[in-house]
Amino acid sequence: MFAISIDVDWAIQPLIDDVSKILDNFKIHGTFFLTNKINYSNLSNHELAIHPNFEGSTNFEAILEKTLRILPTNNCKGSRSHKLYYNSSLPQIYQKFGLEYDSNYILPNYEKPIPFFIPHSKILEIPFFFGDDALLTNNSNFNLNKIDLHDNGVKVFMFHPIHIFLNSNSIHSYQNIKNNYDNFEYLNSQKNSKEGIRSFFIELLEFIEKNNIKTQTMNEVNKIWRKKLEK
């Protein structure tokens, strides 16, 4: 079971539209973890979840309330914190706000990652198997064959719109660009023409298409595994 997730991280609208168009072309429904209010018109095929930024605050309820308000509907079921922030008090607060799953654990290239209930809560943790920023930081090897793509467990892939748009190929080059994250003309002039995150992303989607792999949104994974674990 594969799932494609997108951590928006305050990306500007053209970058979000770029990612959604690619996913739509492959008829893949992804999950967008949102940090800020955007134009949702091009995301009708995708799940909307939240990407709260808890840094520098202990008022988790206020942060969650603020972040949930950016969504166009009140049926959000999932959260992945900015910088994967986690606190043991969060699961109970998530339940209070109607959330059902969290996705803050990263299990890089783990053979068979599977969701599990966070102890003493009804929140399902759905770990992610791949992160584009981890690839850029650790080895920047864009060979898809280096990743275990056997359809075992739940393999969640996490990407950022800015890395897909820029086709980022190193964390160092990205650091020199990130301060201009909201300047579309500048970002457009900095796109990498060689192999990078965009080429890797498209190759992954082609692999999914070629092998007729059914993808799920994160909430679909939540529903499927919740039924399995609650039996």
Protein backbone atom coordinates (compact mmCIF):
# COMPACT_ATOMS: atom_id res chain seq x y z
CA MET A 1 0.00 0.00 0.00
CA PHE A 2 1.48 3.33 -1.10
CA ALA A 3 0.52 6.87 -0.05
CA ILE A 4 1.86 10.17 -1.41
CA SER A 5 1.92 13.05 1.07
CA ILE A 6 2.92 16.68 0.60
CA ASP A 7 4.20 18.95 3.40
CA VAL A 8 3.27 22.39 2.11
CA ASP A 9 5.60 24.38 4.43
CA TRP A 10 4.23 27.82 3.40
CA ALA A 11 4.79 27.16 -0.30
CA ILE A 12 3.28 29.77 -2.60
CA GLN A 13 0.28 28.96 -4.77
CA PRO A 14 2.07 28.27 -8.10
CA LEU A 15 4.21 25.60 -6.40
CA ILE A 16 1.19 23.91 -4.84
CA ASP A 17 -0.64 23.99 -8.17
CA ASP A 18 2.43 22.50 -9.85
CA VAL A 19 2.42 19.47 -7.51
CA SER A 20 -1.34 18.94 -7.69
CA LYS A 21 -1.19 19.02 -11.51
CA ILE A 22 1.48 16.32 -11.58
CA LEU A 23 -0.52 14.12 -9.22
CA ASP A 24 -3.72 14.71 -11.19
CA ASN A 25 -1.96 13.74 -14.42
CA PHE A 26 -1.14 10.39 -12.84
CA LYS A 27 -4.64 10.13 -11.31
CA ILE A 28 -3.13 9.87 -7.84
CA HIS A 29 -4.97 11.29 -4.84
CA GLY A 30 -2.41 12.68 -2.39
CA THR A 31 -2.60 14.19 1.07
CA PHE A 32 -1.56 17.82 1.52
CA PHE A 33 -0.46 18.78 5.04
CA LEU A 34 -1.20 22.50 5.13
CA THR A 35 0.48 25.31 7.05
CA ASN A 36 -1.35 28.32 5.67
CA LYS A 37 -4.50 29.34 3.84
CA ILE A 38 -4.31 28.87 0.07
CA ASN A 39 -6.56 28.64 -2.96
CA TYR A 40 -8.04 25.14 -2.68
CA SER A 41 -9.64 25.01 -6.13
CA ASN A 42 -6.97 22.70 -7.58
CA LEU A 43 -6.95 20.35 -4.60
CA SER A 44 -10.44 18.89 -4.93
CA ASN A 45 -8.99 15.46 -5.77
CA HIS A 46 -6.80 15.40 -2.68
CA GLU A 47 -7.09 15.05 1.08
CA LEU A 48 -6.43 18.14 3.17
CA ALA A 49 -4.71 17.67 6.54
CA ILE A 50 -2.79 20.03 8.82
CA HIS A 51 0.90 20.77 9.34
CA PRO A 52 0.92 22.76 12.61
CA ASN A 53 4.02 24.62 13.75
CA PHE A 54 4.39 24.07 17.50
CA GLU A 55 7.88 25.59 17.72
CA GLY A 56 8.22 28.16 20.49
CA SER A 57 4.78 27.51 21.98
CA THR A 58 3.29 25.24 24.60
CA ASN A 59 -0.28 26.29 23.87
CA PHE A 60 -0.92 23.35 21.58
CA GLU A 61 -4.67 23.82 21.53
CA ALA A 62 -4.37 27.40 20.26
CA ILE A 63 -1.96 26.31 17.51
CA LEU A 64 -4.25 23.46 16.43
CA GLU A 65 -7.32 25.70 16.46
CA LYS A 66 -5.52 28.33 14.38
CA THR A 67 -4.22 25.79 11.87
CA LEU A 68 -7.54 23.99 11.48
CA ARG A 69 -9.22 27.33 10.67
CA ILE A 70 -7.23 27.58 7.43
CA LEU A 71 -9.04 24.56 5.98
CA PRO A 72 -12.17 25.03 3.87
CA THR A 73 -14.06 22.29 5.74
CA ASN A 74 -14.11 20.93 9.28
CA ASN A 75 -13.60 17.25 8.43
CA CYS A 76 -9.80 17.14 8.83
CA LYS A 77 -8.62 13.83 10.28
CA GLY A 78 -4.84 14.05 10.26
CA SER A 79 -1.78 15.99 11.35
CA ARG A 80 1.94 15.99 10.71
CA SER A 81 3.81 18.60 12.73
CA HIS A 82 6.32 20.99 11.22
CA LYS A 83 9.81 19.55 11.89
CA LEU A 84 8.02 16.43 13.19
CA TYR A 85 7.46 17.98 16.61
CA TYR A 86 5.88 15.59 19.09
CA ASN A 87 4.78 15.86 22.70
CA SER A 88 3.17 13.10 24.77
CA SER A 89 0.19 15.34 25.55
CA LEU A 90 -0.69 15.85 21.87
CA PRO A 91 -2.68 12.64 21.21
CA GLN A 92 -5.33 13.56 23.76
CA ILE A 93 -5.54 17.09 22.34
CA TYR A 94 -5.82 15.68 18.80
CA GLN A 95 -8.80 13.60 19.93
CA LYS A 96 -10.45 16.70 21.38
CA PHE A 97 -10.24 18.36 17.94
CA GLY A 98 -11.60 15.33 16.09
CA LEU A 99 -8.29 14.21 14.60
CA GLU A 100 -7.74 10.48 14.12
CA TYR A 101 -4.19 10.05 12.86
CA ASP A 102 -0.70 11.48 13.22
CA SER A 103 2.29 11.05 10.90
CA ASN A 104 5.43 12.17 12.69
CA TYR A 105 7.57 9.03 12.74
CA ILE A 106 10.03 8.49 9.91
CA LEU A 107 11.21 4.94 9.19
CA PRO A 108 13.64 5.47 6.30
CA ASN A 109 13.62 2.61 3.79
CA TYR A 110 12.10 0.33 6.44
CA GLU A 111 11.14 -3.02 4.93
CA LYS A 112 7.57 -3.19 6.22
CA PRO A 113 6.37 0.02 7.94
CA ILE A 114 2.92 -0.35 9.48
CA PRO A 115 0.61 2.02 11.40
CA PHE A 116 -0.01 1.58 15.11
CA PHE A 117 -2.11 3.16 17.82
CA ILE A 118 -0.23 5.64 20.01
CA PRO A 119 -0.36 4.21 23.57
CA HIS A 120 -3.23 5.40 25.78
CA SER A 121 -5.01 7.10 22.89
CA LYS A 122 -7.23 6.48 19.90
CA ILE A 123 -4.78 8.25 17.57
CA LEU A 124 -3.33 6.09 14.81
CA GLU A 125 0.32 6.79 14.03
CA ILE A 126 1.07 6.37 10.31
CA PRO A 127 4.87 6.49 9.92
CA PHE A 128 6.35 7.71 6.68
CA PHE A 129 8.87 5.67 4.80
CA PHE A 130 10.54 8.31 2.63
CA GLY A 131 11.19 12.05 2.97
CA ASP A 132 12.68 14.20 0.21
CA ASP A 133 14.55 16.39 2.69
CA ALA A 134 16.14 13.30 4.26
CA LEU A 135 17.29 12.20 0.81
CA LEU A 136 18.84 15.62 0.17
CA THR A 137 20.52 15.69 3.58
CA ASN A 138 21.88 12.16 3.68
CA ASN A 139 23.11 11.16 0.26
CA SER A 140 21.30 12.89 -2.61
CA ASN A 141 21.17 9.61 -4.54
CA PHE A 142 18.24 9.98 -6.91
CA ASN A 143 18.27 6.37 -8.11
CA LEU A 144 14.79 5.00 -7.45
CA ASN A 145 16.22 1.48 -7.34
CA LYS A 146 18.03 2.39 -4.10
CA ILE A 147 14.64 2.51 -2.34
CA ASP A 148 12.80 -0.64 -1.27
CA LEU A 149 9.66 -0.40 -3.39
CA HIS A 150 8.21 -3.80 -2.60
CA ASP A 151 4.56 -3.26 -1.76
CA ASN A 152 4.86 -4.38 1.87
CA GLY A 153 3.15 -2.65 4.78
CA VAL A 154 2.21 0.98 4.28
CA LYS A 155 4.80 2.98 2.39
CA VAL A 156 4.16 6.69 2.84
CA PHE A 157 6.24 9.10 0.77
CA MET A 158 6.68 12.71 1.89
CA PHE A 159 7.61 15.53 -0.50
CA HIS A 160 7.70 19.34 -0.38
CA PRO A 161 6.32 21.52 -3.20
CA ILE A 162 9.41 23.71 -3.23
CA HIS A 163 11.77 20.75 -3.73
CA ILE A 164 9.60 19.38 -6.51
CA PHE A 165 9.38 22.76 -8.23
CA LEU A 166 13.10 23.51 -7.91
CA ASN A 167 14.07 19.90 -8.65
CA SER A 168 16.40 20.30 -5.65
CA ASN A 169 19.53 18.17 -5.80
CA SER A 170 21.37 19.18 -2.61
CA ILE A 171 20.45 20.59 0.76
CA HIS A 172 23.24 23.15 0.48
CA SER A 173 21.98 24.69 -2.75
CA TYR A 174 18.47 24.79 -1.30
CA GLN A 175 19.66 26.65 1.81
CA ASN A 176 20.86 29.46 -0.46
CA ILE A 177 17.43 29.70 -2.09
CA LYS A 178 14.94 29.13 0.75
CA ASN A 179 14.87 32.74 2.01
CA ASN A 180 13.21 33.65 -1.29
CA TYR A 181 10.52 30.99 -0.91
CA ASP A 182 7.76 33.50 -1.79
CA ASN A 183 9.44 35.02 -4.86
CA PHE A 184 8.12 33.02 -7.80
CA GLU A 185 10.26 34.72 -10.45
CA TYR A 186 13.40 34.02 -8.47
CA LEU A 187 12.46 30.41 -7.74
CA ASN A 188 11.63 29.85 -11.39
CA SER A 189 15.10 31.05 -12.35
CA GLN A 190 16.77 28.64 -9.91
CA LYS A 191 15.30 25.36 -11.15
CA ASN A 192 17.79 22.52 -11.48
CA SER A 193 17.86 20.94 -14.96
CA LYS A 194 19.65 17.72 -13.95
CA GLU A 195 18.40 14.88 -11.76
CA GLY A 196 16.81 15.90 -8.50
CA ILE A 197 13.66 15.66 -6.41
CA ARG A 198 11.28 16.49 -9.27
CA SER A 199 12.74 13.87 -11.59
CA PHE A 200 12.72 11.38 -8.69
CA PHE A 201 9.08 12.25 -7.86
CA ILE A 202 7.94 11.73 -11.45
CA GLU A 203 9.91 8.50 -11.75
CA LEU A 204 8.20 7.23 -8.59
CA LEU A 205 4.76 8.08 -9.97
CA GLU A 206 5.66 6.36 -13.25
CA PHE A 207 6.71 3.27 -11.26
CA ILE A 208 3.36 3.30 -9.44
CA GLU A 209 1.50 3.63 -12.75
CA LYS A 210 3.54 0.98 -14.56
CA ASN A 211 3.10 -1.56 -11.76
CA ASN A 212 -0.59 -0.78 -11.30
CA ILE A 213 -0.09 0.02 -7.62
CA LYS A 214 -3.16 1.40 -5.91
CA THR A 215 -2.37 4.45 -3.80
CA GLN A 216 -4.33 5.70 -0.82
CA THR A 217 -4.76 9.05 0.87
CA MET A 218 -3.58 9.15 4.47
CA ASN A 219 -7.15 9.12 5.74
CA GLU A 220 -7.93 6.10 3.58
CA VAL A 221 -4.95 4.36 5.20
CA ASN A 222 -6.31 5.49 8.57
CA LYS A 223 -9.71 3.95 7.89
CA ILE A 224 -8.30 0.67 6.54
CA TRP A 225 -5.84 0.12 9.38
CA ARG A 226 -8.20 1.31 12.06
CA LYS A 227 -10.60 -1.48 11.02
CA LYS A 228 -7.77 -4.03 11.09
CA LEU A 229 -6.44 -2.99 14.49
CA GLU A 230 -9.79 -2.55 16.16
CA LYS A 231 -10.94 -6.11 15.35
